[in-house]
PDB file of N, CA and C in Angstrom:
ATOM      1  N   MET A   1      97.499  55.405  21.727  1.00  0.00           N
ATOM      2  CA  MET A   1      96.918  56.714  21.939  1.00  0.00           C
ATOM      3  C   MET A   1      97.028  57.501  20.639  1.00  0.00           C
ATOM      4  N   ARG A   2      95.968  58.158  20.266  1.00  0.00           N
ATOM      5  CA  ARG A   2      95.948  58.902  19.014  1.00  0.00           C
ATOM      6  C   ARG A   2      96.825  60.140  19.091  1.00  0.00           C
ATOM      7  N   THR A   3      97.157  60.675  17.909  1.00  0.00           N
ATOM      8  CA  THR A   3      98.078  61.800  17.815  1.00  0.00           C
ATOM      9  C   THR A   3      97.556  63.031  18.542  1.00  0.00           C
ATOM     10  N   ASN A   4      96.274  63.378  18.347  1.00  0.00           N
ATOM     11  CA  ASN A   4      95.761  64.576  19.017  1.00  0.00           C
ATOM     12  C   ASN A   4      95.647  64.358  20.527  1.00  0.00           C
ATOM     13  N   MET A   5      95.450  63.109  20.960  1.00  0.00           N
ATOM     14  CA  MET A   5      95.445  62.821  22.391  1.00  0.00           C
ATOM     15  C   MET A   5      96.851  62.999  22.966  1.00  0.00           C
ATOM     16  N   ARG A   6      97.844  62.552  22.215  1.00  0.00           N
ATOM     17  CA  ARG A   6      99.231  62.725  22.656  1.00  0.00           C
ATOM     18  C   ARG A   6      99.584  64.208  22.741  1.00  0.00           C
ATOM     19  N   ARG A   7      99.135  64.954  21.745  1.00  0.00           N
ATOM     20  CA  ARG A   7      99.393  66.392  21.723  1.00  0.00           C
ATOM     21  C   ARG A   7      98.706  67.065  22.909  1.00  0.00           C
ATOM     22  N   GLU A   8      97.472  66.663  23.183  1.00  0.00           N
ATOM     23  CA  GLU A   8      96.739  67.211  24.321  1.00  0.00           C
ATOM     24  C   GLU A   8      97.435  66.864  25.633  1.00  0.00           C
ATOM     25  N   LEU A   9      97.890  65.626  25.750  1.00  0.00           N
ATOM     26  CA  LEU A   9      98.586  65.199  26.962  1.00  0.00           C
ATOM     27  C   LEU A   9      99.918  65.944  27.125  1.00  0.00           C
ATOM     28  N   ALA A  10     100.648  66.114  26.038  1.00  0.00           N
ATOM     29  CA  ALA A  10     101.924  66.840  26.103  1.00  0.00           C
ATOM     30  C   ALA A  10     101.706  68.288  26.532  1.00  0.00           C
ATOM     31  N   SER A  11     100.675  68.912  25.999  1.00  0.00           N
ATOM     32  CA  SER A  11     100.349  70.280  26.388  1.00  0.00           C
ATOM     33  C   SER A  11      99.939  70.350  27.857  1.00  0.00           C
ATOM     34  N   PHE A  12      99.153  69.367  28.292  1.00  0.00           N
ATOM     35  CA  PHE A  12      98.710  69.325  29.683  1.00  0.00           C
ATOM     36  C   PHE A  12      99.904  69.162  30.622  1.00  0.00           C
ATOM     37  N   VAL A  13     100.834  68.277  30.276  1.00  0.00           N
ATOM     38  CA  VAL A  13     102.020  68.052  31.110  1.00  0.00           C
ATOM     39  C   VAL A  13     102.855  69.329  31.188  1.00  0.00           C
ATOM     40  N   LYS A  14     102.985  70.018  30.071  1.00  0.00           N
ATOM     41  CA  LYS A  14     103.745  71.276  30.049  1.00  0.00           C
ATOM     42  C   LYS A  14     103.095  72.299  30.988  1.00  0.00           C
ATOM     43  N   HIS A  15     101.780  72.491  30.859  1.00  0.00           N
ATOM     44  CA  HIS A  15     101.084  73.456  31.701  1.00  0.00           C
ATOM     45  C   HIS A  15     101.109  73.034  33.174  1.00  0.00           C
ATOM     46  N   LEU A  16     100.937  71.743  33.423  1.00  0.00           N
ATOM     47  CA  LEU A  16     100.964  71.235  34.791  1.00  0.00           C
ATOM     48  C   LEU A  16     102.355  71.433  35.413  1.00  0.00           C
ATOM     49  N   SER A  17     103.385  71.232  34.631  1.00  0.00           N
ATOM     50  CA  SER A  17     104.757  71.421  35.125  1.00  0.00           C
ATOM     51  C   SER A  17     105.028  72.881  35.469  1.00  0.00           C
ATOM     52  N   VAL A  18     104.609  73.775  34.605  1.00  0.00           N
ATOM     53  CA  VAL A  18     104.795  75.210  34.864  1.00  0.00           C
ATOM     54  C   VAL A  18     104.008  75.619  36.106  1.00  0.00           C
ATOM     55  N   PHE A  19     102.758  75.183  36.190  1.00  0.00           N
ATOM     56  CA  PHE A  19     101.922  75.499  37.344  1.00  0.00           C
ATOM     57  C   PHE A  19     102.551  74.963  38.630  1.00  0.00           C
ATOM     58  N   SER A  20     103.028  73.729  38.596  1.00  0.00           N
ATOM     59  CA  SER A  20     103.648  73.121  39.769  1.00  0.00           C
ATOM     60  C   SER A  20     104.927  73.860  40.161  1.00  0.00           C
ATOM     61  N   GLY A  21     105.691  74.295  39.174  1.00  0.00           N
ATOM     62  CA  GLY A  21     106.903  75.065  39.456  1.00  0.00           C
ATOM     63  C   GLY A  21     106.589  76.386  40.143  1.00  0.00           C
ATOM     64  N   ILE A  22     105.561  77.059  39.662  1.00  0.00           N
ATOM     65  CA  ILE A  22     105.141  78.321  40.286  1.00  0.00           C
ATOM     66  C   ILE A  22     104.664  78.070  41.712  1.00  0.00           C
ATOM     67  N   LEU A  23     103.861  77.021  41.908  1.00  0.00           N
ATOM     68  CA  LEU A  23     103.407  76.681  43.264  1.00  0.00           C
ATOM     69  C   LEU A  23     104.585  76.373  44.176  1.00  0.00           C
ATOM     70  N   PHE A  24     105.568  75.664  43.657  1.00  0.00           N
ATOM     71  CA  PHE A  24     106.748  75.333  44.442  1.00  0.00           C
ATOM     72  C   PHE A  24     107.461  76.594  44.914  1.00  0.00           C
ATOM     73  N   LEU A  25     107.635  77.559  44.016  1.00  0.00           N
ATOM     74  CA  LEU A  25     108.311  78.806  44.374  1.00  0.00           C
ATOM     75  C   LEU A  25     107.503  79.609  45.396  1.00  0.00           C
ATOM     76  N   VAL A  26     106.194  79.707  45.169  1.00  0.00           N
ATOM     77  CA  VAL A  26     105.334  80.464  46.085  1.00  0.00           C
ATOM     78  C   VAL A  26     105.303  79.802  47.455  1.00  0.00           C
ATOM     79  N   TYR A  27     105.098  78.490  47.471  1.00  0.00           N
ATOM     80  CA  TYR A  27     105.032  77.792  48.753  1.00  0.00           C
ATOM     81  C   TYR A  27     106.390  77.797  49.456  1.00  0.00           C
ATOM     82  N   GLY A  28     107.458  77.669  48.702  1.00  0.00           N
ATOM     83  CA  GLY A  28     108.794  77.726  49.292  1.00  0.00           C
ATOM     84  C   GLY A  28     109.055  79.065  49.962  1.00  0.00           C
ATOM     85  N   ALA A  29     108.644  80.151  49.303  1.00  0.00           N
ATOM     86  CA  ALA A  29     108.812  81.480  49.892  1.00  0.00           C
ATOM     87  C   ALA A  29     107.953  81.630  51.145  1.00  0.00           C
ATOM     88  N   LEU A  30     106.712  81.164  51.072  1.00  0.00           N
ATOM     89  CA  LEU A  30     105.833  81.240  52.245  1.00  0.00           C
ATOM     90  C   LEU A  30     106.361  80.389  53.398  1.00  0.00           C
ATOM     91  N   ALA A  31     106.903  79.231  53.092  1.00  0.00           N
ATOM     92  CA  ALA A  31     107.438  78.348  54.133  1.00  0.00           C
ATOM     93  C   ALA A  31     108.598  79.004  54.871  1.00  0.00           C
ATOM     94  N   LEU A  32     109.358  79.836  54.170  1.00  0.00           N
ATOM     95  CA  LEU A  32     110.462  80.544  54.814  1.00  0.00           C
ATOM     96  C   LEU A  32     109.966  81.689  55.695  1.00  0.00           C
ATOM     97  N   LEU A  33     108.832  82.271  55.320  1.00  0.00           N
ATOM     98  CA  LEU A  33     108.310  83.429  56.037  1.00  0.00           C
ATOM     99  C   LEU A  33     107.385  83.070  57.199  1.00  0.00           C
ATOM    100  N   LEU A  34     106.696  81.946  57.093  1.00  0.00           N
ATOM    101  CA  LEU A  34     105.723  81.559  58.114  1.00  0.00           C
ATOM    102  C   LEU A  34     106.408  80.923  59.322  1.00  0.00           C
ATOM    103  N   PRO A  35     105.766  81.009  60.485  1.00  0.00           N
ATOM    104  CA  PRO A  35     106.304  80.297  61.655  1.00  0.00           C
ATOM    105  C   PRO A  35     106.360  78.794  61.390  1.00  0.00           C
ATOM    106  N   GLU A  36     107.283  78.121  62.062  1.00  0.00           N
ATOM    107  CA  GLU A  36     107.537  76.704  61.818  1.00  0.00           C
ATOM    108  C   GLU A  36     106.304  75.820  62.007  1.00  0.00           C
ATOM    109  N   ASN A  37     105.455  76.138  62.993  1.00  0.00           N
ATOM    110  CA  ASN A  37     104.286  75.297  63.248  1.00  0.00           C
ATOM    111  C   ASN A  37     103.185  75.473  62.193  1.00  0.00           C
ATOM    112  N   TYR A  38     103.334  76.428  61.282  1.00  0.00           N
ATOM    113  CA  TYR A  38     102.369  76.627  60.196  1.00  0.00           C
ATOM    114  C   TYR A  38     102.738  75.834  58.947  1.00  0.00           C
ATOM    115  N   VAL A  39     103.954  75.307  58.928  1.00  0.00           N
ATOM    116  CA  VAL A  39     104.453  74.583  57.762  1.00  0.00           C
ATOM    117  C   VAL A  39     104.520  73.100  58.108  1.00  0.00           C
ATOM    118  N   SER A  40     103.829  72.287  57.327  1.00  0.00           N
ATOM    119  CA  SER A  40     103.820  70.847  57.565  1.00  0.00           C
ATOM    120  C   SER A  40     105.206  70.248  57.340  1.00  0.00           C
ATOM    121  N   LYS A  41     105.519  69.230  58.126  1.00  0.00           N
ATOM    122  CA  LYS A  41     106.798  68.535  57.959  1.00  0.00           C
ATOM    123  C   LYS A  41     106.851  67.774  56.635  1.00  0.00           C
ATOM    124  N   ALA A  42     105.717  67.545  56.049  1.00  0.00           N
ATOM    125  CA  ALA A  42     105.637  66.803  54.782  1.00  0.00           C
ATOM    126  C   ALA A  42     105.525  67.737  53.574  1.00  0.00           C
ATOM    127  N   PHE A  43     105.913  69.010  53.745  1.00  0.00           N
ATOM    128  CA  PHE A  43     105.731  69.992  52.680  1.00  0.00           C
ATOM    129  C   PHE A  43     106.412  69.605  51.377  1.00  0.00           C
ATOM    130  N   TRP A  44     107.521  68.879  51.445  1.00  0.00           N
ATOM    131  CA  TRP A  44     108.274  68.497  50.246  1.00  0.00           C
ATOM    132  C   TRP A  44     107.494  67.542  49.354  1.00  0.00           C
ATOM    133  N   GLY A  45     106.484  66.849  49.902  1.00  0.00           N
ATOM    134  CA  GLY A  45     105.780  65.848  49.119  1.00  0.00           C
ATOM    135  C   GLY A  45     104.488  66.298  48.479  1.00  0.00           C
ATOM    136  N   PHE A  46     103.991  67.476  48.832  1.00  0.00           N
ATOM    137  CA  PHE A  46     102.695  67.910  48.311  1.00  0.00           C
ATOM    138  C   PHE A  46     102.680  68.074  46.794  1.00  0.00           C
ATOM    139  N   ILE A  47     103.638  68.810  46.277  1.00  0.00           N
ATOM    140  CA  ILE A  47     103.622  69.107  44.843  1.00  0.00           C
ATOM    141  C   ILE A  47     103.843  67.854  43.996  1.00  0.00           C
ATOM    142  N   PRO A  48     104.842  67.003  44.305  1.00  0.00           N
ATOM    143  CA  PRO A  48     104.949  65.769  43.512  1.00  0.00           C
ATOM    144  C   PRO A  48     103.707  64.877  43.632  1.00  0.00           C
ATOM    145  N   PHE A  49     103.126  64.805  44.826  1.00  0.00           N
ATOM    146  CA  PHE A  49     101.924  63.982  45.016  1.00  0.00           C
ATOM    147  C   PHE A  49     100.792  64.469  44.120  1.00  0.00           C
ATOM    148  N   PHE A  50     100.475  65.748  44.200  1.00  0.00           N
ATOM    149  CA  PHE A  50      99.376  66.274  43.388  1.00  0.00           C
ATOM    150  C   PHE A  50      99.709  66.235  41.902  1.00  0.00           C
ATOM    151  N   PHE A  51     100.961  66.493  41.545  1.00  0.00           N
ATOM    152  CA  PHE A  51     101.375  66.446  40.144  1.00  0.00           C
ATOM    153  C   PHE A  51     101.076  65.066  39.555  1.00  0.00           C
ATOM    154  N   PHE A  52     101.527  64.016  40.237  1.00  0.00           N
ATOM    155  CA  PHE A  52     101.359  62.674  39.690  1.00  0.00           C
ATOM    156  C   PHE A  52      99.917  62.178  39.770  1.00  0.00           C
ATOM    157  N   VAL A  53      99.192  62.564  40.792  1.00  0.00           N
ATOM    158  CA  VAL A  53      97.779  62.158  40.877  1.00  0.00           C
ATOM    159  C   VAL A  53      96.976  62.827  39.761  1.00  0.00           C
ATOM    160  N   ILE A  54      97.202  64.111  39.532  1.00  0.00           N
ATOM    161  CA  ILE A  54      96.496  64.835  38.467  1.00  0.00           C
ATOM    162  C   ILE A  54      96.889  64.274  37.102  1.00  0.00           C
ATOM    163  N   LEU A  55      98.185  64.003  36.913  1.00  0.00           N
ATOM    164  CA  LEU A  55      98.645  63.451  35.638  1.00  0.00           C
ATOM    165  C   LEU A  55      98.057  62.068  35.390  1.00  0.00           C
ATOM    166  N   LEU A  56      98.059  61.219  36.402  1.00  0.00           N
ATOM    167  CA  LEU A  56      97.471  59.891  36.265  1.00  0.00           C
ATOM    168  C   LEU A  56      95.972  59.986  35.963  1.00  0.00           C
ATOM    169  N   SER A  57      95.298  60.921  36.599  1.00  0.00           N
ATOM    170  CA  SER A  57      93.873  61.126  36.337  1.00  0.00           C
ATOM    171  C   SER A  57      93.636  61.519  34.881  1.00  0.00           C
ATOM    172  N   LYS A  58      94.467  62.417  34.387  1.00  0.00           N
ATOM    173  CA  LYS A  58      94.337  62.856  32.986  1.00  0.00           C
ATOM    174  C   LYS A  58      94.569  61.683  32.038  1.00  0.00           C
ATOM    175  N   LEU A  59      95.586  60.873  32.326  1.00  0.00           N
ATOM    176  CA  LEU A  59      95.859  59.696  31.490  1.00  0.00           C
ATOM    177  C   LEU A  59      94.669  58.734  31.493  1.00  0.00           C
ATOM    178  N   LEU A  60      94.105  58.506  32.675  1.00  0.00           N
ATOM    179  CA  LEU A  60      92.945  57.612  32.772  1.00  0.00           C
ATOM    180  C   LEU A  60      91.753  58.157  32.000  1.00  0.00           C
ATOM    181  N   VAL A  61      91.486  59.433  32.162  1.00  0.00           N
ATOM    182  CA  VAL A  61      90.349  60.033  31.460  1.00  0.00           C
ATOM    183  C   VAL A  61      90.544  59.935  29.955  1.00  0.00           C
ATOM    184  N   LEU A  62      91.738  60.251  29.473  1.00  0.00           N
ATOM    185  CA  LEU A  62      91.988  60.173  28.029  1.00  0.00           C
ATOM    186  C   LEU A  62      91.895  58.749  27.505  1.00  0.00           C
ATOM    187  N   SER A  63      92.431  57.803  28.259  1.00  0.00           N
ATOM    188  CA  SER A  63      92.399  56.421  27.774  1.00  0.00           C
ATOM    189  C   SER A  63      91.007  55.813  27.872  1.00  0.00           C
ATOM    190  N   LEU A  64      90.233  56.186  28.876  1.00  0.00           N
ATOM    191  CA  LEU A  64      88.888  55.634  29.020  1.00  0.00           C
ATOM    192  C   LEU A  64      87.869  56.275  28.084  1.00  0.00           C
ATOM    193  N   SER A  65      88.080  57.533  27.753  1.00  0.00           N
ATOM    194  CA  SER A  65      87.051  58.239  26.987  1.00  0.00           C
ATOM    195  C   SER A  65      87.276  58.244  25.487  1.00  0.00           C
ATOM    196  N   GLY A  66      88.521  58.205  25.052  1.00  0.00           N
ATOM    197  CA  GLY A  66      88.777  58.304  23.617  1.00  0.00           C
ATOM    198  C   GLY A  66      88.306  59.648  23.093  1.00  0.00           C
ATOM    199  N   GLU A  67      87.518  59.634  22.056  1.00  0.00           N
ATOM    200  CA  GLU A  67      86.997  60.861  21.446  1.00  0.00           C
ATOM    201  C   GLU A  67      85.546  61.139  21.838  1.00  0.00           C
ATOM    202  N   SER A  68      84.944  60.280  22.624  1.00  0.00           N
ATOM    203  CA  SER A  68      83.528  60.396  22.959  1.00  0.00           C
ATOM    204  C   SER A  68      83.299  61.360  24.122  1.00  0.00           C
ATOM    205  N   ALA A  69      82.430  62.350  23.904  1.00  0.00           N
ATOM    206  CA  ALA A  69      82.099  63.316  24.955  1.00  0.00           C
ATOM    207  C   ALA A  69      81.326  62.639  26.081  1.00  0.00           C
ATOM    208  N   LYS A  70      80.463  61.695  25.717  1.00  0.00           N
ATOM    209  CA  LYS A  70      79.682  60.990  26.737  1.00  0.00           C
ATOM    210  C   LYS A  70      80.613  60.149  27.622  1.00  0.00           C
ATOM    211  N   LYS A  71      81.536  59.438  27.002  1.00  0.00           N
ATOM    212  CA  LYS A  71      82.492  58.635  27.760  1.00  0.00           C
ATOM    213  C   LYS A  71      83.417  59.525  28.589  1.00  0.00           C
ATOM    214  N   PHE A  72      83.743  60.711  28.044  1.00  0.00           N
ATOM    215  CA  PHE A  72      84.604  61.636  28.773  1.00  0.00           C
ATOM    216  C   PHE A  72      83.953  62.040  30.091  1.00  0.00           C
ATOM    217  N   SER A  73      82.688  62.393  30.053  1.00  0.00           N
ATOM    218  CA  SER A  73      81.987  62.817  31.267  1.00  0.00           C
ATOM    219  C   SER A  73      82.001  61.722  32.320  1.00  0.00           C
ATOM    220  N   LEU A  74      81.699  60.511  31.915  1.00  0.00           N
ATOM    221  CA  LEU A  74      81.687  59.383  32.853  1.00  0.00           C
ATOM    222  C   LEU A  74      83.089  59.107  33.394  1.00  0.00           C
ATOM    223  N   ALA A  75      84.085  59.089  32.518  1.00  0.00           N
ATOM    224  CA  ALA A  75      85.464  58.827  32.944  1.00  0.00           C
ATOM    225  C   ALA A  75      85.960  59.924  33.880  1.00  0.00           C
ATOM    226  N   TYR A  76      85.606  61.166  33.594  1.00  0.00           N
ATOM    227  CA  TYR A  76      86.034  62.282  34.437  1.00  0.00           C
ATOM    228  C   TYR A  76      85.432  62.170  35.837  1.00  0.00           C
ATOM    229  N   VAL A  77      84.153  61.870  35.904  1.00  0.00           N
ATOM    230  CA  VAL A  77      83.496  61.722  37.208  1.00  0.00           C
ATOM    231  C   VAL A  77      84.097  60.541  37.974  1.00  0.00           C
ATOM    232  N   GLN A  78      84.322  59.436  37.299  1.00  0.00           N
ATOM    233  CA  GLN A  78      84.901  58.262  37.958  1.00  0.00           C
ATOM    234  C   GLN A  78      86.284  58.555  38.524  1.00  0.00           C
ATOM    235  N   THR A  79      87.133  59.185  37.735  1.00  0.00           N
ATOM    236  CA  THR A  79      88.484  59.478  38.224  1.00  0.00           C
ATOM    237  C   THR A  79      88.455  60.526  39.336  1.00  0.00           C
ATOM    238  N   THR A  80      87.530  61.462  39.253  1.00  0.00           N
ATOM    239  CA  THR A  80      87.413  62.467  40.307  1.00  0.00           C
ATOM    240  C   THR A  80      86.992  61.828  41.621  1.00  0.00           C
ATOM    241  N   VAL A  81      86.062  60.909  41.579  1.00  0.00           N
ATOM    242  CA  VAL A  81      85.623  60.211  42.800  1.00  0.00           C
ATOM    243  C   VAL A  81      86.769  59.374  43.364  1.00  0.00           C
ATOM    244  N   MET A  82      87.473  58.643  42.508  1.00  0.00           N
ATOM    245  CA  MET A  82      88.606  57.839  42.974  1.00  0.00           C
ATOM    246  C   MET A  82      89.688  58.718  43.595  1.00  0.00           C
ATOM    247  N   ARG A  83      89.936  59.849  42.960  1.00  0.00           N
ATOM    248  CA  ARG A  83      90.948  60.766  43.471  1.00  0.00           C
ATOM    249  C   ARG A  83      90.527  61.344  44.828  1.00  0.00           C
ATOM    250  N   PHE A  84      89.268  61.705  44.952  1.00  0.00           N
ATOM    251  CA  PHE A  84      88.763  62.237  46.220  1.00  0.00           C
ATOM    252  C   PHE A  84      88.894  61.199  47.333  1.00  0.00           C
ATOM    253  N   LEU A  85      88.572  59.953  47.035  1.00  0.00           N
ATOM    254  CA  LEU A  85      88.725  58.894  48.036  1.00  0.00           C
ATOM    255  C   LEU A  85      90.195  58.703  48.421  1.00  0.00           C
ATOM    256  N   LEU A  86      91.084  58.778  47.444  1.00  0.00           N
ATOM    257  CA  LEU A  86      92.521  58.695  47.728  1.00  0.00           C
ATOM    258  C   LEU A  86      92.942  59.837  48.651  1.00  0.00           C
ATOM    259  N   TYR A  87      92.465  61.037  48.371  1.00  0.00           N
ATOM    260  CA  TYR A  87      92.795  62.183  49.206  1.00  0.00           C
ATOM    261  C   TYR A  87      92.315  61.977  50.638  1.00  0.00           C
ATOM    262  N   LEU A  88      91.111  61.464  50.793  1.00  0.00           N
ATOM    263  CA  LEU A  88      90.601  61.206  52.142  1.00  0.00           C
ATOM    264  C   LEU A  88      91.471  60.193  52.882  1.00  0.00           C
ATOM    265  N   VAL A  89      91.854  59.135  52.194  1.00  0.00           N
ATOM    266  CA  VAL A  89      92.705  58.112  52.815  1.00  0.00           C
ATOM    267  C   VAL A  89      94.042  58.723  53.242  1.00  0.00           C
ATOM    268  N   VAL A  90      94.646  59.520  52.380  1.00  0.00           N
ATOM    269  CA  VAL A  90      95.925  60.154  52.703  1.00  0.00           C
ATOM    270  C   VAL A  90      95.772  61.067  53.919  1.00  0.00           C
ATOM    271  N   LEU A  91      94.724  61.876  53.945  1.00  0.00           N
ATOM    272  CA  LEU A  91      94.501  62.783  55.073  1.00  0.00           C
ATOM    273  C   LEU A  91      94.305  62.019  56.380  1.00  0.00           C
ATOM    274  N   ILE A  92      93.491  60.997  56.351  1.00  0.00           N
ATOM    275  CA  ILE A  92      93.205  60.225  57.568  1.00  0.00           C
ATOM    276  C   ILE A  92      94.455  59.495  58.050  1.00  0.00           C
ATOM    277  N   LEU A  93      95.163  58.834  57.135  1.00  0.00           N
ATOM    278  CA  LEU A  93      96.376  58.105  57.530  1.00  0.00           C
ATOM    279  C   LEU A  93      97.433  59.040  58.111  1.00  0.00           C
ATOM    280  N   TYR A  94      97.629  60.164  57.472  1.00  0.00           N
ATOM    281  CA  TYR A  94      98.636  61.101  57.973  1.00  0.00           C
ATOM    282  C   TYR A  94      98.227  61.666  59.332  1.00  0.00           C
ATOM    283  N   ALA A  95      96.971  62.036  59.471  1.00  0.00           N
ATOM    284  CA  ALA A  95      96.503  62.620  60.733  1.00  0.00           C
ATOM    285  C   ALA A  95      96.647  61.634  61.893  1.00  0.00           C
ATOM    286  N   PHE A  96      96.369  60.365  61.651  1.00  0.00           N
ATOM    287  CA  PHE A  96      96.503  59.372  62.714  1.00  0.00           C
ATOM    288  C   PHE A  96      97.958  59.029  63.027  1.00  0.00           C
ATOM    289  N   ASN A  97      98.801  59.031  62.013  1.00  0.00           N
ATOM    290  CA  ASN A  97     100.205  58.667  62.220  1.00  0.00           C
ATOM    291  C   ASN A  97     101.070  59.826  62.718  1.00  0.00           C
ATOM    292  N   PHE A  98     100.686  61.046  62.406  1.00  0.00           N
ATOM    293  CA  PHE A  98     101.455  62.219  62.816  1.00  0.00           C
ATOM    294  C   PHE A  98     100.520  63.281  63.390  1.00  0.00           C
ATOM    295  N   PRO A  99      99.920  63.026  64.531  1.00  0.00           N
ATOM    296  CA  PRO A  99      98.922  63.956  65.080  1.00  0.00           C
ATOM    297  C   PRO A  99      99.482  65.346  65.397  1.00  0.00           C
ATOM    298  N   GLU A 100     100.767  65.442  65.717  1.00  0.00           N
ATOM    299  CA  GLU A 100     101.349  66.741  66.038  1.00  0.00           C
ATOM    300  C   GLU A 100     101.453  67.650  64.814  1.00  0.00           C
ATOM    301  N   ASP A 101     101.468  67.063  63.622  1.00  0.00           N
ATOM    302  CA  ASP A 101     101.580  67.824  62.374  1.00  0.00           C
ATOM    303  C   ASP A 101     100.265  67.827  61.590  1.00  0.00           C
ATOM    304  N   ALA A 102      99.234  67.197  62.122  1.00  0.00           N
ATOM    305  CA  ALA A 102      97.991  67.002  61.373  1.00  0.00           C
ATOM    306  C   ALA A 102      97.345  68.317  60.948  1.00  0.00           C
ATOM    307  N   LYS A 103      97.283  69.274  61.843  1.00  0.00           N
ATOM    308  CA  LYS A 103      96.609  70.538  61.531  1.00  0.00           C
ATOM    309  C   LYS A 103      97.281  71.263  60.356  1.00  0.00           C
ATOM    310  N   ALA A 104      98.596  71.426  60.434  1.00  0.00           N
ATOM    311  CA  ALA A 104      99.331  72.092  59.348  1.00  0.00           C
ATOM    312  C   ALA A 104      99.230  71.289  58.052  1.00  0.00           C
ATOM    313  N   PHE A 105      99.301  69.960  58.163  1.00  0.00           N
ATOM    314  CA  PHE A 105      99.210  69.096  56.984  1.00  0.00           C
ATOM    315  C   PHE A 105      97.860  69.244  56.295  1.00  0.00           C
ATOM    316  N   ILE A 106      96.787  69.165  57.059  1.00  0.00           N
ATOM    317  CA  ILE A 106      95.437  69.231  56.484  1.00  0.00           C
ATOM    318  C   ILE A 106      95.185  70.590  55.836  1.00  0.00           C
ATOM    319  N   ILE A 107      95.588  71.661  56.502  1.00  0.00           N
ATOM    320  CA  ILE A 107      95.388  73.000  55.927  1.00  0.00           C
ATOM    321  C   ILE A 107      96.182  73.145  54.633  1.00  0.00           C
ATOM    322  N   THR A 108      97.448  72.730  54.658  1.00  0.00           N
ATOM    323  CA  THR A 108      98.288  72.827  53.466  1.00  0.00           C
ATOM    324  C   THR A 108      97.771  71.919  52.355  1.00  0.00           C
ATOM    325  N   PHE A 109      97.326  70.722  52.726  1.00  0.00           N
ATOM    326  CA  PHE A 109      96.791  69.780  51.750  1.00  0.00           C
ATOM    327  C   PHE A 109      95.599  70.397  51.019  1.00  0.00           C
ATOM    328  N   PHE A 110      94.692  71.008  51.777  1.00  0.00           N
ATOM    329  CA  PHE A 110      93.512  71.601  51.146  1.00  0.00           C
ATOM    330  C   PHE A 110      93.862  72.815  50.301  1.00  0.00           C
ATOM    331  N   LEU A 111      94.865  73.566  50.687  1.00  0.00           N
ATOM    332  CA  LEU A 111      95.296  74.687  49.845  1.00  0.00           C
ATOM    333  C   LEU A 111      95.813  74.179  48.502  1.00  0.00           C
ATOM    334  N   PHE A 112      96.626  73.130  48.549  1.00  0.00           N
ATOM    335  CA  PHE A 112      97.103  72.541  47.297  1.00  0.00           C
ATOM    336  C   PHE A 112      95.970  71.888  46.514  1.00  0.00           C
ATOM    337  N   TYR A 113      95.063  71.236  47.216  1.00  0.00           N
ATOM    338  CA  TYR A 113      93.899  70.622  46.562  1.00  0.00           C
ATOM    339  C   TYR A 113      93.111  71.679  45.788  1.00  0.00           C
ATOM    340  N   PHE A 114      92.829  72.804  46.428  1.00  0.00           N
ATOM    341  CA  PHE A 114      92.078  73.867  45.752  1.00  0.00           C
ATOM    342  C   PHE A 114      92.872  74.462  44.593  1.00  0.00           C
ATOM    343  N   ALA A 115      94.169  74.644  44.769  1.00  0.00           N
ATOM    344  CA  ALA A 115      94.989  75.198  43.699  1.00  0.00           C
ATOM    345  C   ALA A 115      94.986  74.280  42.475  1.00  0.00           C
ATOM    346  N   TYR A 116      95.193  72.984  42.697  1.00  0.00           N
ATOM    347  CA  TYR A 116      95.207  72.047  41.570  1.00  0.00           C
ATOM    348  C   TYR A 116      93.812  71.837  40.977  1.00  0.00           C
ATOM    349  N   THR A 117      92.778  71.957  41.785  1.00  0.00           N
ATOM    350  CA  THR A 117      91.411  71.865  41.257  1.00  0.00           C
ATOM    351  C   THR A 117      91.122  73.055  40.348  1.00  0.00           C
ATOM    352  N   ILE A 118      91.527  74.243  40.773  1.00  0.00           N
ATOM    353  CA  ILE A 118      91.352  75.434  39.925  1.00  0.00           C
ATOM    354  C   ILE A 118      92.132  75.263  38.625  1.00  0.00           C
ATOM    355  N   PHE A 119      93.350  74.745  38.717  1.00  0.00           N
ATOM    356  CA  PHE A 119      94.141  74.491  37.508  1.00  0.00           C
ATOM    357  C   PHE A 119      93.406  73.541  36.574  1.00  0.00           C
ATOM    358  N   GLU A 120      92.902  72.452  37.126  1.00  0.00           N
ATOM    359  CA  GLU A 120      92.249  71.434  36.310  1.00  0.00           C
ATOM    360  C   GLU A 120      90.972  71.960  35.661  1.00  0.00           C
ATOM    361  N   VAL A 121      90.170  72.685  36.415  1.00  0.00           N
ATOM    362  CA  VAL A 121      88.925  73.227  35.876  1.00  0.00           C
ATOM    363  C   VAL A 121      89.233  74.267  34.808  1.00  0.00           C
ATOM    364  N   THR A 122      90.231  75.106  35.041  1.00  0.00           N
ATOM    365  CA  THR A 122      90.633  76.090  34.045  1.00  0.00           C
ATOM    366  C   THR A 122      91.101  75.406  32.774  1.00  0.00           C
ATOM    367  N   ASN A 123      91.861  74.326  32.928  1.00  0.00           N
ATOM    368  CA  ASN A 123      92.326  73.572  31.781  1.00  0.00           C
ATOM    369  C   ASN A 123      91.164  72.958  31.004  1.00  0.00           C
ATOM    370  N   LEU A 124      90.186  72.409  31.723  1.00  0.00           N
ATOM    371  CA  LEU A 124      89.011  71.842  31.066  1.00  0.00           C
ATOM    372  C   LEU A 124      88.205  72.920  30.348  1.00  0.00           C
ATOM    373  N   TYR A 125      88.079  74.066  30.988  1.00  0.00           N
ATOM    374  CA  TYR A 125      87.310  75.178  30.393  1.00  0.00           C
ATOM    375  C   TYR A 125      87.964  75.645  29.099  1.00  0.00           C
ATOM    376  N   LYS A 126      89.292  75.761  29.119  1.00  0.00           N
ATOM    377  CA  LYS A 126      90.014  76.191  27.910  1.00  0.00           C
ATOM    378  C   LYS A 126      89.854  75.178  26.786  1.00  0.00           C
ATOM    379  N   LYS A 127      89.864  73.889  27.163  1.00  0.00           N
ATOM    380  CA  LYS A 127      89.724  72.816  26.169  1.00  0.00           C
ATOM    381  C   LYS A 127      88.329  72.820  25.558  1.00  0.00           C
ATOM    382  N   GLY A 128      87.324  72.999  26.403  1.00  0.00           N
ATOM    383  CA  GLY A 128      85.944  72.913  25.936  1.00  0.00           C
ATOM    384  C   GLY A 128      85.399  74.196  25.349  1.00  0.00           C
ATOM    385  N   GLY A 129      85.928  75.312  25.727  1.00  0.00           N
ATOM    386  CA  GLY A 129      85.333  76.553  25.305  1.00  0.00           C
ATOM    387  C   GLY A 129      86.264  77.399  24.571  1.00  0.00           C
TER     388      GLY A 129
END
């Protein structure tokens, strides 16, 4: 991996870690305030799951695209589709295996999905513009 790619990845990991820490604090506070049936039993796994999926996606995009903008676009779309399919599989498997917690899980999952998507798009916008 080239030096500027390493620097970009290190910066991304730093920002992703800070963002994840803030989400952890906000969600932890909300989990204490909300009624028990509003908080998924799997709440402890959301942030590490999204952290590592987003990080792995970034690594794949950087390794597949190199310095090429054309390759970057294709690699980004490919990893986004793979990630979306992974998310669907996780949602379906969890809902079928834990139907009593499915509603809270799906709502919380989508809140984290939107939060990390906003983070990722903001990061891309800052990089490109």
